[in-house]
Amino acid sequence: MNVLRKLFPFIVILIFSFFAYKPLLNPGFFPIHDDTQVARVYEMTKALKDGMFPVRWSQDLGYGFGYPIFNFYNPFPYYVEGVISLLGFDALFATKLMVILAIILSGFSMYFLAKEFFGKTGALFSSILYVFAPFHAVEIYVRGDFAENFAYAFIPLLFYGLFKIYKNYSWKYVVMTSVSYALIILSHNLTAMMIFPFVLIFILYFVFRERKDRTNHLIRLFFALFTGVLLSAFYSIPAIFEMKYTDVLSQIGGGANFRDHFACLSQLWISQWGYGGSVKGCIDGLSFMIGKYHIFLSASLFLVSIFFLISGKYSKKPKDKENLYFIIFLFLNFLLSVFFMLQVSRPVWELLRPMEFFQYPWRFLIMVSFFSSFMAGGLFFLLEKFVKDKNTYYLLVFVACAFMIFVSLKFFVPQEILSKNSSDYTSKHALSWEASKISDEYLPKGFRVPENEYEIPDISNLTTPELTIKILERKTQYTKLDLDVVKSGNYVLPLSYFPAWKAKIDGKEVSINQSSKGSVVNFSKGKHIFELSFVQTPIEKLANLLSLSGVLLLFAGIIRLKLKI
């Protein structure tokens, strides 16, 4: 009975979350802005099957030339999907399941966090608002940014871990915080960058309210964050230092210039729901609504909390007063998040140049949704003091949750359902042309992109009067060819240049040179065995060691804790 009582809130969240992911249970799929998701899942699965780990390269994307997408683009969700596919499911099913898991996890993680402040009923309400926040629907059914959606799910868990370290220090909360932060970085590095200032504010709020042991609190909290950075280093360090080998920076400016994508204040209250894109001005193709009820509850709770603190009529218990102050703190963070979305914040964006990587200021809707949903749990924390009858109180909670789902359902629907199966997204045409056209920024700078599908080469079709090729072995990270070279010279291979690739002719390493049409290798006349191997760069090897050190650090703490016990 006790187990059922503990599990009951999670069962409720699980049931209510069904309405957010119900469209994903339909056959087929739906159009999204980033319509490369299934293709990327397929490529991750293929690389894992080939024995590549960490996965950094996609063999078929980049117009068949391949490129190091997983070295730069948020790999964790694709690892999850890749493992699901390895169990025998197709890439489309794995993609859908990943989104469903992220939706459910967002509800669970918000419940853990909000329960620490507003009790079980308040936490349940916060969870529902977080799952059904309008921007959450935009992420899933409009933008299709499933990586960002995964990061969204881990945000409350990070703040929960930080609070538990502060409140009741235990190594298990250090592990939780470190892993949560690492998973946010690995799920969506821009979200990790966005939330960091708010994490600092959160830490300082609690630590400087504490009169004793401030230094130890700060050390523990920052150690947990630092270890999270170490855990994710295998991805984040190469993503920063090897960016120069790709055209990723081309995504900054142009159509994604932050100066053209500030939200208008009116759009935060109401804006036309659509499936288009973001444009300059106040009439966009997609909605930037915070949610009327999210705004109303946030503002109301803020004003009520101030009233109770000034009047002293609510409660004299220290914990109750702390929660009132905390609601005000959350509201100020909510306002700060809104500020960064508006044109008035442009001087800050101009001053802090790394912010241009966000591209779209309205991305801060992630934090707006987080803070408004979190503080909404305070409604039932306050009502509990006034509604004495428990049955009436629980009925109010249920009605409020059901109402929020009812008014939000219209957002959690795709534009249309397409009669597509996994092969429609993973065929050679879909991978090397359709998906590649959407995202080709991971190709080298100066690379000549094919103008049509017929220009896409294939290594198996490179036989000419001067060169005969026979494929002996071909994997994501390794290719072995039997060559018969009639005429010596430089030959262009359909492989986009990246320094991790090493070439050998008859067992002897030879140089690979960059070309606008691929990678250039010099072949001498005669028969040869040619090998191409993806050998991780020194930066990647160092990053792997740093991640391993983070894992060992956490395990050392666990072992030390067990020995003490």
Protein backbone atom coordinates (compact mmCIF):
# COMPACT_ATOMS: atom_id res chain seq x y z
CA MET A 1 0.00 0.00 0.00
CA ASN A 2 2.85 2.40 0.85
CA VAL A 3 4.53 1.59 -2.47
CA LEU A 4 1.32 2.38 -4.35
CA ARG A 5 0.95 5.66 -2.46
CA LYS A 6 4.49 6.66 -3.45
CA LEU A 7 3.97 5.66 -7.06
CA PHE A 8 0.52 7.22 -7.40
CA PRO A 9 1.71 10.72 -8.50
CA PHE A 10 3.95 9.16 -11.17
CA ILE A 11 1.08 7.01 -12.40
CA VAL A 12 -1.07 10.15 -12.69
CA ILE A 13 1.67 11.99 -14.58
CA LEU A 14 2.11 8.97 -16.84
CA ILE A 15 -1.62 8.89 -17.62
CA PHE A 16 -1.91 12.64 -18.18
CA SER A 17 1.25 12.72 -20.34
CA PHE A 18 -0.47 10.34 -22.76
CA PHE A 19 -2.43 13.28 -24.17
CA ALA A 20 0.82 15.09 -25.01
CA TYR A 21 2.30 12.21 -27.01
CA LYS A 22 -0.86 10.56 -28.33
CA PRO A 23 -0.25 11.72 -31.96
CA LEU A 24 3.10 9.90 -31.91
CA LEU A 25 1.26 6.59 -31.57
CA ASN A 26 -0.33 6.98 -35.00
CA PRO A 27 1.21 5.15 -37.97
CA GLY A 28 3.42 7.31 -40.16
CA PHE A 29 5.04 10.58 -39.14
CA PHE A 30 4.47 14.33 -39.44
CA PRO A 31 6.32 17.24 -41.06
CA ILE A 32 8.72 19.15 -38.79
CA HIS A 33 11.29 21.87 -39.40
CA ASP A 34 14.27 19.64 -38.63
CA ASP A 35 13.17 16.72 -40.76
CA THR A 36 16.49 14.90 -40.35
CA GLN A 37 15.72 13.18 -37.08
CA VAL A 38 14.97 9.68 -38.35
CA ALA A 39 17.96 9.80 -40.72
CA ARG A 40 20.26 10.71 -37.83
CA VAL A 41 18.90 7.87 -35.72
CA TYR A 42 19.60 5.48 -38.58
CA GLU A 43 23.16 6.76 -38.95
CA MET A 44 23.82 6.50 -35.21
CA THR A 45 22.53 2.92 -35.19
CA LYS A 46 24.66 2.05 -38.20
CA ALA A 47 27.79 3.48 -36.55
CA LEU A 48 27.12 1.58 -33.31
CA LYS A 49 26.63 -1.64 -35.26
CA ASP A 50 29.95 -1.00 -36.98
CA GLY A 51 31.61 -0.80 -33.56
CA MET A 52 32.31 2.94 -33.49
CA PHE A 53 32.32 4.52 -30.03
CA PRO A 54 32.14 7.35 -29.26
CA VAL A 55 30.20 7.87 -32.47
CA ARG A 56 31.45 10.96 -34.26
CA TRP A 57 30.86 10.28 -37.95
CA SER A 58 27.87 9.73 -40.23
CA GLN A 59 28.73 7.78 -43.37
CA ASP A 60 25.75 8.62 -45.59
CA LEU A 61 24.79 12.18 -44.67
CA GLY A 62 26.60 15.12 -46.22
CA TYR A 63 25.50 14.09 -49.73
CA GLY A 64 27.13 10.70 -49.28
CA PHE A 65 30.52 12.27 -48.46
CA GLY A 66 29.89 11.76 -44.74
CA TYR A 67 30.53 14.29 -42.00
CA PRO A 68 31.24 14.41 -38.25
CA ILE A 69 27.73 15.35 -37.14
CA PHE A 70 27.85 13.53 -33.80
CA ASN A 71 31.08 15.34 -32.99
CA PHE A 72 29.11 18.60 -32.96
CA TYR A 73 25.39 17.99 -32.75
CA ASN A 74 24.03 16.84 -29.37
CA PRO A 75 24.58 13.06 -29.49
CA PHE A 76 22.82 11.74 -26.35
CA PRO A 77 19.26 11.47 -27.73
CA TYR A 78 20.63 9.62 -30.74
CA TYR A 79 22.54 7.20 -28.52
CA VAL A 80 19.25 6.42 -26.79
CA GLU A 81 17.51 5.93 -30.13
CA GLY A 82 20.44 3.95 -31.49
CA VAL A 83 20.24 1.49 -28.60
CA ILE A 84 16.48 1.14 -29.17
CA SER A 85 17.15 0.41 -32.86
CA LEU A 86 19.82 -2.15 -31.95
CA LEU A 87 17.12 -4.02 -30.05
CA GLY A 88 15.39 -4.64 -33.37
CA PHE A 89 13.15 -1.60 -33.85
CA ASP A 90 13.31 0.60 -36.92
CA ALA A 91 14.62 4.17 -36.87
CA LEU A 92 11.17 5.79 -37.06
CA PHE A 93 9.85 3.82 -34.08
CA ALA A 94 13.02 4.65 -32.12
CA THR A 95 12.58 8.36 -32.91
CA LYS A 96 8.99 8.37 -31.69
CA LEU A 97 9.83 6.41 -28.56
CA MET A 98 12.64 8.83 -27.73
CA VAL A 99 10.23 11.77 -27.88
CA ILE A 100 7.69 9.94 -25.71
CA LEU A 101 10.36 9.13 -23.11
CA ALA A 102 11.45 12.77 -23.02
CA ILE A 103 7.85 13.96 -22.49
CA ILE A 104 7.31 11.54 -19.60
CA LEU A 105 10.70 12.33 -18.08
CA SER A 106 9.95 16.08 -18.13
CA GLY A 107 6.87 15.46 -15.99
CA PHE A 108 8.70 13.17 -13.56
CA SER A 109 11.70 15.45 -13.13
CA MET A 110 9.54 18.52 -12.50
CA TYR A 111 7.59 16.54 -9.90
CA PHE A 112 10.80 15.68 -8.01
CA LEU A 113 11.86 19.31 -7.97
CA ALA A 114 8.55 20.99 -7.13
CA LYS A 115 7.76 18.47 -4.36
CA GLU A 116 10.70 19.79 -2.37
CA PHE A 117 9.00 23.18 -2.12
CA PHE A 118 5.26 22.82 -2.68
CA GLY A 119 4.40 19.28 -1.60
CA LYS A 120 3.00 16.43 -3.70
CA THR A 121 -0.14 18.16 -4.95
CA GLY A 122 1.67 21.35 -5.90
CA ALA A 123 4.35 19.27 -7.61
CA LEU A 124 1.74 17.37 -9.61
CA PHE A 125 0.28 20.66 -10.89
CA SER A 126 3.76 21.97 -11.77
CA SER A 127 4.45 18.77 -13.70
CA ILE A 128 1.29 19.12 -15.76
CA LEU A 129 2.05 22.73 -16.63
CA TYR A 130 5.60 21.82 -17.59
CA VAL A 131 4.55 18.95 -19.85
CA PHE A 132 1.76 20.99 -21.47
CA ALA A 133 3.59 24.32 -21.82
CA PRO A 134 2.83 25.69 -25.33
CA PHE A 135 6.52 25.95 -26.24
CA HIS A 136 6.94 22.27 -25.39
CA ALA A 137 4.39 21.56 -28.13
CA VAL A 138 6.27 23.87 -30.53
CA GLU A 139 9.49 21.95 -29.86
CA ILE A 140 7.87 18.59 -30.60
CA TYR A 141 5.23 19.13 -33.27
CA VAL A 142 6.48 22.24 -35.08
CA ARG A 143 10.25 22.59 -34.84
CA GLY A 144 10.98 18.90 -34.29
CA ASP A 145 13.97 19.81 -32.16
CA PHE A 146 14.00 16.51 -30.30
CA ALA A 147 17.48 17.09 -28.88
CA GLU A 148 16.33 20.33 -27.23
CA ASN A 149 13.24 18.49 -26.05
CA PHE A 150 15.46 15.97 -24.26
CA ALA A 151 17.41 18.75 -22.56
CA TYR A 152 14.07 20.27 -21.48
CA ALA A 153 13.34 17.05 -19.60
CA PHE A 154 16.58 17.14 -17.60
CA ILE A 155 16.46 20.79 -16.50
CA PRO A 156 14.29 20.24 -13.38
CA LEU A 157 16.42 17.24 -12.39
CA LEU A 158 19.54 19.41 -12.40
CA PHE A 159 17.95 22.03 -10.13
CA TYR A 160 16.59 19.25 -7.90
CA GLY A 161 20.06 17.77 -7.49
CA LEU A 162 21.58 21.16 -6.70
CA PHE A 163 18.94 21.88 -4.07
CA LYS A 164 19.40 18.46 -2.44
CA ILE A 165 23.19 18.95 -2.26
CA TYR A 166 22.58 22.25 -0.50
CA LYS A 167 19.81 21.01 1.78
CA ASN A 168 20.87 17.48 2.62
CA TYR A 169 24.38 16.82 1.33
CA SER A 170 24.85 13.30 0.07
CA TRP A 171 27.12 11.87 -2.62
CA LYS A 172 24.15 10.38 -4.46
CA TYR A 173 22.90 13.93 -5.12
CA VAL A 174 26.34 14.92 -6.39
CA VAL A 175 26.13 12.01 -8.83
CA MET A 176 22.59 12.99 -9.84
CA THR A 177 23.56 16.63 -10.40
CA SER A 178 26.70 15.78 -12.35
CA VAL A 179 24.92 13.27 -14.58
CA SER A 180 21.96 15.61 -15.12
CA TYR A 181 24.19 18.49 -16.17
CA ALA A 182 26.24 16.24 -18.42
CA LEU A 183 23.07 14.93 -20.08
CA ILE A 184 21.80 18.47 -20.70
CA ILE A 185 25.13 19.32 -22.36
CA LEU A 186 25.03 16.10 -24.40
CA SER A 187 21.36 16.58 -25.29
CA HIS A 188 21.56 20.22 -26.32
CA ASN A 189 24.68 22.28 -25.65
CA LEU A 190 22.91 25.59 -26.31
CA THR A 191 20.37 24.81 -23.59
CA ALA A 192 23.22 23.97 -21.21
CA MET A 193 24.79 27.32 -22.04
CA MET A 194 21.47 29.10 -21.60
CA ILE A 195 20.64 27.68 -18.19
CA PHE A 196 24.09 28.20 -16.67
CA PRO A 197 23.51 31.82 -15.51
CA PHE A 198 20.21 30.74 -13.92
CA VAL A 199 22.00 27.85 -12.21
CA LEU A 200 24.49 30.33 -10.75
CA ILE A 201 21.67 32.58 -9.55
CA PHE A 202 19.94 29.54 -8.00
CA ILE A 203 23.12 28.50 -6.17
CA LEU A 204 23.85 32.00 -4.89
CA TYR A 205 20.25 32.48 -3.72
CA PHE A 206 20.44 29.52 -1.36
CA VAL A 207 24.08 29.68 -0.33
CA PHE A 208 23.98 33.36 0.65
CA ARG A 209 20.82 32.87 2.64
CA GLU A 210 22.84 30.38 4.68
CA ARG A 211 24.87 32.02 7.40
CA LYS A 212 27.09 29.04 8.10
CA ASP A 213 29.31 26.83 5.99
CA ARG A 214 28.90 28.91 2.81
CA THR A 215 32.31 27.94 1.45
CA ASN A 216 31.64 24.20 1.77
CA HIS A 217 28.23 24.60 0.13
CA LEU A 218 29.78 26.42 -2.82
CA ILE A 219 32.57 23.85 -3.19
CA ARG A 220 30.11 20.94 -3.21
CA LEU A 221 27.75 22.57 -5.68
CA PHE A 222 30.44 23.70 -8.10
CA PHE A 223 32.23 20.37 -7.81
CA ALA A 224 29.03 18.63 -8.97
CA LEU A 225 28.74 20.98 -11.96
CA PHE A 226 32.44 20.64 -12.78
CA THR A 227 32.17 16.85 -12.77
CA GLY A 228 29.18 17.13 -15.12
CA VAL A 229 31.35 19.16 -17.49
CA LEU A 230 34.04 16.47 -17.26
CA LEU A 231 31.55 13.70 -18.04
CA SER A 232 30.47 15.47 -21.21
CA ALA A 233 33.99 16.48 -22.27
CA PHE A 234 34.27 13.70 -24.89
CA TYR A 235 31.69 15.67 -26.86
CA SER A 236 31.95 19.30 -25.77
CA ILE A 237 35.71 19.81 -26.15
CA PRO A 238 35.95 18.52 -29.76
CA ALA A 239 32.75 20.43 -30.56
CA ILE A 240 34.54 23.65 -29.59
CA PHE A 241 38.08 23.05 -30.83
CA GLU A 242 37.33 21.14 -34.03
CA MET A 243 34.59 23.43 -35.25
CA LYS A 244 37.14 25.07 -37.56
CA TYR A 245 37.12 21.98 -39.79
CA THR A 246 33.44 22.47 -40.63
CA ASP A 247 31.14 25.21 -41.86
CA VAL A 248 29.13 25.31 -38.61
CA LEU A 249 29.83 29.01 -38.05
CA SER A 250 27.94 29.77 -41.26
CA GLN A 251 24.77 29.19 -39.22
CA ILE A 252 25.51 32.31 -37.19
CA GLY A 253 24.01 35.39 -38.82
CA GLY A 254 22.15 35.39 -42.12
CA GLY A 255 18.63 34.06 -41.67
CA ALA A 256 19.48 33.05 -38.10
CA ASN A 257 20.78 36.44 -36.98
CA PHE A 258 19.53 36.99 -33.42
CA ARG A 259 18.82 40.66 -34.24
CA ASP A 260 15.93 39.58 -36.48
CA HIS A 261 14.31 37.12 -34.09
CA PHE A 262 13.36 38.94 -30.92
CA ALA A 263 9.81 38.20 -29.85
CA CYS A 264 7.27 41.00 -29.50
CA LEU A 265 5.65 41.44 -26.10
CA SER A 266 2.16 40.84 -27.52
CA GLN A 267 3.29 37.48 -28.95
CA LEU A 268 4.03 36.18 -25.47
CA TRP A 269 0.37 36.54 -24.51
CA ILE A 270 -1.20 35.42 -27.75
CA SER A 271 0.16 34.64 -31.19
CA GLN A 272 -1.26 32.69 -34.07
CA TRP A 273 -0.50 28.99 -33.82
CA GLY A 274 1.29 27.89 -36.95
CA TYR A 275 3.80 25.43 -38.38
CA GLY A 276 5.98 27.93 -40.24
CA GLY A 277 9.24 29.61 -39.28
CA SER A 278 10.58 32.61 -37.42
CA VAL A 279 10.86 35.86 -39.37
CA LYS A 280 11.68 39.47 -38.65
CA GLY A 281 8.83 41.41 -37.08
CA CYS A 282 5.81 40.46 -35.00
CA ILE A 283 4.05 38.12 -37.41
CA ASP A 284 5.84 34.78 -37.34
CA GLY A 285 4.96 31.40 -38.73
CA LEU A 286 5.12 29.76 -35.31
CA SER A 287 3.83 30.78 -31.90
CA PHE A 288 5.84 32.27 -29.05
CA MET A 289 3.04 32.07 -26.49
CA ILE A 290 4.08 31.50 -22.91
CA GLY A 291 0.54 30.38 -22.13
CA LYS A 292 -2.14 32.65 -20.69
CA TYR A 293 -2.59 30.51 -17.60
CA HIS A 294 1.17 30.23 -17.07
CA ILE A 295 1.40 34.04 -17.11
CA PHE A 296 -1.72 34.58 -14.99
CA LEU A 297 -0.66 32.07 -12.31
CA SER A 298 2.90 33.41 -12.20
CA ALA A 299 1.82 37.03 -11.77
CA SER A 300 -0.93 36.15 -9.27
CA LEU A 301 1.35 34.02 -7.09
CA PHE A 302 3.97 36.75 -7.12
CA LEU A 303 1.49 39.41 -5.95
CA VAL A 304 -0.14 37.13 -3.38
CA SER A 305 3.27 36.16 -1.96
CA ILE A 306 4.24 39.81 -1.55
CA PHE A 307 0.90 40.55 0.12
CA PHE A 308 1.28 37.70 2.60
CA LEU A 309 4.85 38.63 3.45
CA ILE A 310 3.95 42.29 4.06
CA SER A 311 0.72 41.60 5.94
CA GLY A 312 2.01 38.57 7.85
CA LYS A 313 -1.48 37.01 7.55
CA TYR A 314 -0.48 33.76 5.89
CA SER A 315 1.82 31.92 8.26
CA LYS A 316 4.61 32.58 10.71
CA LYS A 317 6.31 29.24 10.09
CA PRO A 318 9.86 29.77 8.74
CA LYS A 319 9.39 27.17 5.98
CA ASP A 320 6.19 28.85 4.75
CA LYS A 321 7.89 32.24 4.66
CA GLU A 322 10.85 30.71 2.80
CA ASN A 323 8.48 29.37 0.15
CA LEU A 324 6.86 32.78 -0.28
CA TYR A 325 10.28 34.34 -0.81
CA PHE A 326 11.13 31.51 -3.20
CA ILE A 327 8.00 32.14 -5.30
CA ILE A 328 9.12 35.77 -5.64
CA PHE A 329 12.61 34.56 -6.58
CA LEU A 330 11.17 32.27 -9.29
CA PHE A 331 9.04 35.10 -10.67
CA LEU A 332 12.09 37.37 -10.97
CA ASN A 333 13.87 34.62 -12.91
CA PHE A 334 10.76 34.29 -15.06
CA LEU A 335 10.95 38.04 -15.84
CA LEU A 336 14.66 37.79 -16.58
CA SER A 337 13.96 34.99 -19.07
CA VAL A 338 11.27 37.10 -20.73
CA PHE A 339 13.68 40.04 -20.86
CA PHE A 340 16.19 38.07 -22.96
CA MET A 341 13.48 37.34 -25.53
CA LEU A 342 12.63 40.99 -26.17
CA GLN A 343 14.27 43.71 -28.28
CA VAL A 344 15.02 45.70 -25.12
CA SER A 345 17.71 43.11 -24.24
CA ARG A 346 19.61 43.62 -27.51
CA PRO A 347 22.47 45.62 -25.86
CA VAL A 348 23.16 42.59 -23.64
CA TRP A 349 23.20 40.28 -26.66
CA GLU A 350 25.57 42.64 -28.45
CA LEU A 351 27.86 42.82 -25.42
CA LEU A 352 27.94 39.07 -24.70
CA ARG A 353 28.99 37.84 -28.14
CA PRO A 354 28.71 34.07 -27.41
CA MET A 355 24.95 34.60 -27.10
CA GLU A 356 24.75 34.87 -30.88
CA PHE A 357 25.09 31.09 -30.99
CA PHE A 358 21.52 30.91 -29.62
CA GLN A 359 20.41 32.42 -32.96
CA TYR A 360 16.83 32.93 -31.76
CA PRO A 361 16.18 34.92 -28.56
CA TRP A 362 12.80 33.22 -28.24
CA ARG A 363 14.71 30.05 -27.28
CA PHE A 364 14.49 31.49 -23.75
CA LEU A 365 10.90 30.24 -23.78
CA ILE A 366 12.50 27.08 -22.40
CA MET A 367 13.42 28.92 -19.21
CA VAL A 368 10.15 30.88 -19.18
CA SER A 369 8.23 27.59 -19.35
CA PHE A 370 10.42 26.10 -16.63
CA PHE A 371 10.06 28.95 -14.11
CA SER A 372 6.34 29.58 -14.74
CA SER A 373 5.51 25.87 -14.42
CA PHE A 374 7.70 25.44 -11.36
CA MET A 375 6.20 28.33 -9.43
CA ALA A 376 2.63 27.31 -10.39
CA GLY A 377 2.91 24.54 -7.81
CA GLY A 378 2.83 27.29 -5.21
CA LEU A 379 -0.90 27.68 -5.92
CA PHE A 380 -1.74 24.49 -4.06
CA PHE A 381 0.88 25.13 -1.42
CA LEU A 382 -1.09 28.32 -0.62
CA LEU A 383 -4.57 26.82 -1.04
CA GLU A 384 -3.81 23.98 1.35
CA LYS A 385 -3.88 26.47 4.23
CA PHE A 386 -7.38 27.64 3.33
CA VAL A 387 -9.15 24.53 2.02
CA LYS A 388 -9.48 22.40 5.11
CA ASP A 389 -11.54 19.58 3.62
CA LYS A 390 -9.08 17.13 2.02
CA ASN A 391 -11.58 15.73 -0.49
CA THR A 392 -12.41 19.22 -1.73
CA TYR A 393 -8.72 20.05 -1.92
CA TYR A 394 -7.86 16.94 -3.99
CA LEU A 395 -10.83 17.59 -6.25
CA LEU A 396 -9.51 21.11 -6.92
CA VAL A 397 -6.10 19.66 -7.81
CA PHE A 398 -7.63 17.15 -10.22
CA VAL A 399 -9.90 19.74 -11.85
CA ALA A 400 -7.01 22.22 -12.25
CA CYS A 401 -4.78 19.56 -13.86
CA ALA A 402 -7.56 18.33 -16.15
CA PHE A 403 -8.43 21.91 -17.14
CA MET A 404 -4.81 22.73 -18.04
CA ILE A 405 -4.62 19.63 -20.22
CA PHE A 406 -7.96 20.41 -21.88
CA VAL A 407 -6.98 23.97 -22.84
CA SER A 408 -3.53 22.79 -24.07
CA LEU A 409 -4.58 19.82 -26.19
CA LYS A 410 -5.06 21.97 -29.27
CA PHE A 411 -1.31 22.68 -29.32
CA PHE A 412 -0.15 19.07 -29.07
CA VAL A 413 -1.13 18.04 -32.57
CA PRO A 414 0.96 17.82 -35.75
CA GLN A 415 0.16 19.77 -38.87
CA GLU A 416 -0.76 16.52 -40.62
CA ILE A 417 0.04 12.82 -40.50
CA LEU A 418 2.12 11.59 -43.43
CA SER A 419 1.84 8.02 -44.65
CA LYS A 420 5.54 7.31 -44.30
CA ASN A 421 7.52 4.43 -42.88
CA SER A 422 11.11 4.23 -41.71
CA SER A 423 12.50 3.40 -45.15
CA ASP A 424 11.14 6.68 -46.52
CA TYR A 425 13.64 8.44 -44.25
CA THR A 426 16.54 5.99 -44.47
CA SER A 427 16.78 5.12 -48.18
CA LYS A 428 19.92 6.17 -50.02
CA HIS A 429 17.99 9.01 -51.66
CA ALA A 430 16.56 10.21 -48.34
CA LEU A 431 19.95 10.14 -46.59
CA SER A 432 22.32 11.45 -49.24
CA TRP A 433 19.95 14.03 -50.71
CA GLU A 434 16.76 14.92 -48.81
CA ALA A 435 18.22 14.96 -45.27
CA SER A 436 21.58 16.29 -46.50
CA LYS A 437 19.94 19.35 -48.07
CA ILE A 438 18.37 20.29 -44.76
CA SER A 439 21.61 20.17 -42.79
CA ASP A 440 24.98 20.41 -44.56
CA GLU A 441 26.82 22.75 -42.20
CA TYR A 442 29.05 19.93 -40.91
CA LEU A 443 30.81 19.68 -44.27
CA PRO A 444 34.19 21.46 -44.58
CA LYS A 445 34.41 25.15 -45.44
CA GLY A 446 34.57 25.71 -49.16
CA PHE A 447 33.07 22.32 -49.98
CA ARG A 448 31.22 22.33 -53.29
CA VAL A 449 27.73 21.09 -52.51
CA PRO A 450 26.15 18.98 -55.30
CA GLU A 451 23.56 20.93 -57.26
CA ASN A 452 21.45 17.87 -57.96
CA GLU A 453 21.20 14.26 -56.89
CA TYR A 454 23.06 13.01 -59.96
CA GLU A 455 26.24 14.75 -58.82
CA ILE A 456 26.42 12.64 -55.67
CA PRO A 457 29.31 10.17 -56.11
CA ASP A 458 29.59 6.67 -54.72
CA ILE A 459 32.89 5.02 -53.89
CA SER A 460 31.70 1.83 -55.56
CA ASN A 461 31.22 3.69 -58.86
CA LEU A 462 34.61 5.39 -59.10
CA THR A 463 36.08 2.90 -61.56
CA THR A 464 37.56 4.71 -64.58
CA PRO A 465 40.02 3.74 -67.34
CA GLU A 466 42.79 5.01 -65.00
CA LEU A 467 41.54 3.36 -61.78
CA THR A 468 39.70 0.15 -60.89
CA ILE A 469 38.23 -0.17 -57.38
CA LYS A 470 36.99 -3.24 -55.53
CA ILE A 471 35.49 -2.78 -52.06
CA LEU A 472 36.87 -5.33 -49.60
CA GLU A 473 35.33 -3.86 -46.43
CA ARG A 474 33.25 -0.78 -45.69
CA LYS A 475 32.12 0.48 -42.30
CA THR A 476 31.34 3.88 -40.83
CA GLN A 477 34.86 4.20 -39.43
CA TYR A 478 36.82 2.00 -41.85
CA THR A 479 37.09 1.36 -45.59
CA LYS A 480 39.37 -1.14 -47.31
CA LEU A 481 39.78 -1.10 -51.11
CA ASP A 482 41.60 -3.19 -53.67
CA LEU A 483 43.02 -0.77 -56.25
CA ASP A 484 44.37 -1.27 -59.72
CA VAL A 485 45.94 2.07 -60.72
CA VAL A 486 46.68 2.39 -64.43
CA LYS A 487 47.94 5.97 -64.24
CA SER A 488 49.67 7.57 -61.27
CA GLY A 489 48.23 10.81 -59.91
CA ASN A 490 45.99 12.53 -57.39
CA TYR A 491 42.55 11.00 -57.06
CA VAL A 492 39.53 12.57 -55.36
CA LEU A 493 37.65 10.27 -52.99
CA PRO A 494 33.99 10.92 -52.03
CA LEU A 495 34.91 11.60 -48.41
CA SER A 496 34.61 15.02 -46.80
CA TYR A 497 37.88 16.05 -45.23
CA PHE A 498 38.32 15.72 -41.48
CA PRO A 499 41.65 15.31 -39.64
CA ALA A 500 40.55 12.11 -37.89
CA TRP A 501 40.76 10.19 -41.17
CA LYS A 502 44.04 8.41 -41.80
CA ALA A 503 45.02 6.67 -45.05
CA LYS A 504 47.34 3.76 -45.71
CA ILE A 505 48.55 2.29 -48.99
CA ASP A 506 49.91 -1.23 -48.61
CA GLY A 507 50.20 -0.64 -44.86
CA LYS A 508 52.14 2.62 -45.16
CA GLU A 509 50.50 5.86 -44.02
CA VAL A 510 50.02 8.49 -46.70
CA SER A 511 48.67 12.03 -46.56
CA ILE A 512 45.08 13.07 -47.23
CA ASN A 513 44.55 16.52 -48.67
CA GLN A 514 41.42 18.64 -48.66
CA SER A 515 39.51 19.42 -51.82
CA SER A 516 36.26 21.21 -52.58
CA LYS A 517 35.06 17.91 -54.07
CA GLY A 518 36.22 15.51 -51.35
CA SER A 519 39.56 14.18 -50.07
CA VAL A 520 42.60 13.84 -52.30
CA VAL A 521 45.07 10.94 -52.14
CA ASN A 522 47.99 10.27 -54.45
CA PHE A 523 48.04 6.76 -55.95
CA SER A 524 51.06 5.36 -57.76
CA LYS A 525 50.72 2.99 -60.70
CA GLY A 526 50.11 -0.65 -59.83
CA LYS A 527 47.94 -2.80 -57.57
CA HIS A 528 47.48 -1.69 -53.99
CA ILE A 529 45.48 -2.24 -50.83
CA PHE A 530 44.11 1.10 -49.66
CA GLU A 531 42.72 1.66 -46.16
CA LEU A 532 40.87 4.59 -44.64
CA SER A 533 40.52 4.61 -40.84
CA PHE A 534 38.81 7.07 -38.51
CA VAL A 535 41.49 7.51 -35.85
CA GLN A 536 40.43 9.96 -33.17
CA THR A 537 42.39 13.19 -33.10
CA PRO A 538 44.60 14.16 -30.13
CA ILE A 539 41.89 16.57 -28.98
CA GLU A 540 39.26 13.81 -29.11
CA LYS A 541 41.52 11.40 -27.20
CA LEU A 542 42.18 14.01 -24.52
CA ALA A 543 38.44 14.71 -24.29
CA ASN A 544 37.74 10.98 -23.87
CA LEU A 545 40.26 10.82 -21.02
CA LEU A 546 38.65 13.79 -19.31
CA SER A 547 35.24 12.11 -19.49
CA LEU A 548 36.74 8.91 -18.12
CA SER A 549 38.29 10.90 -15.25
CA GLY A 550 34.82 12.28 -14.46
CA VAL A 551 33.38 8.76 -14.32
CA LEU A 552 36.24 7.56 -12.09
CA LEU A 553 35.79 10.58 -9.82
CA LEU A 554 32.14 9.75 -9.24
CA PHE A 555 32.85 6.05 -8.71
CA ALA A 556 35.64 6.89 -6.27
CA GLY A 557 33.13 8.89 -4.26
CA ILE A 558 30.61 6.03 -4.32
CA ILE A 559 33.25 3.50 -3.19
CA ARG A 560 34.46 5.85 -0.46
CA LEU A 561 30.90 6.30 0.75
CA LYS A 562 30.29 2.54 0.88
CA LEU A 563 33.52 1.94 2.78
CA LYS A 564 32.43 4.50 5.37
CA ILE A 565 29.10 2.73 5.78
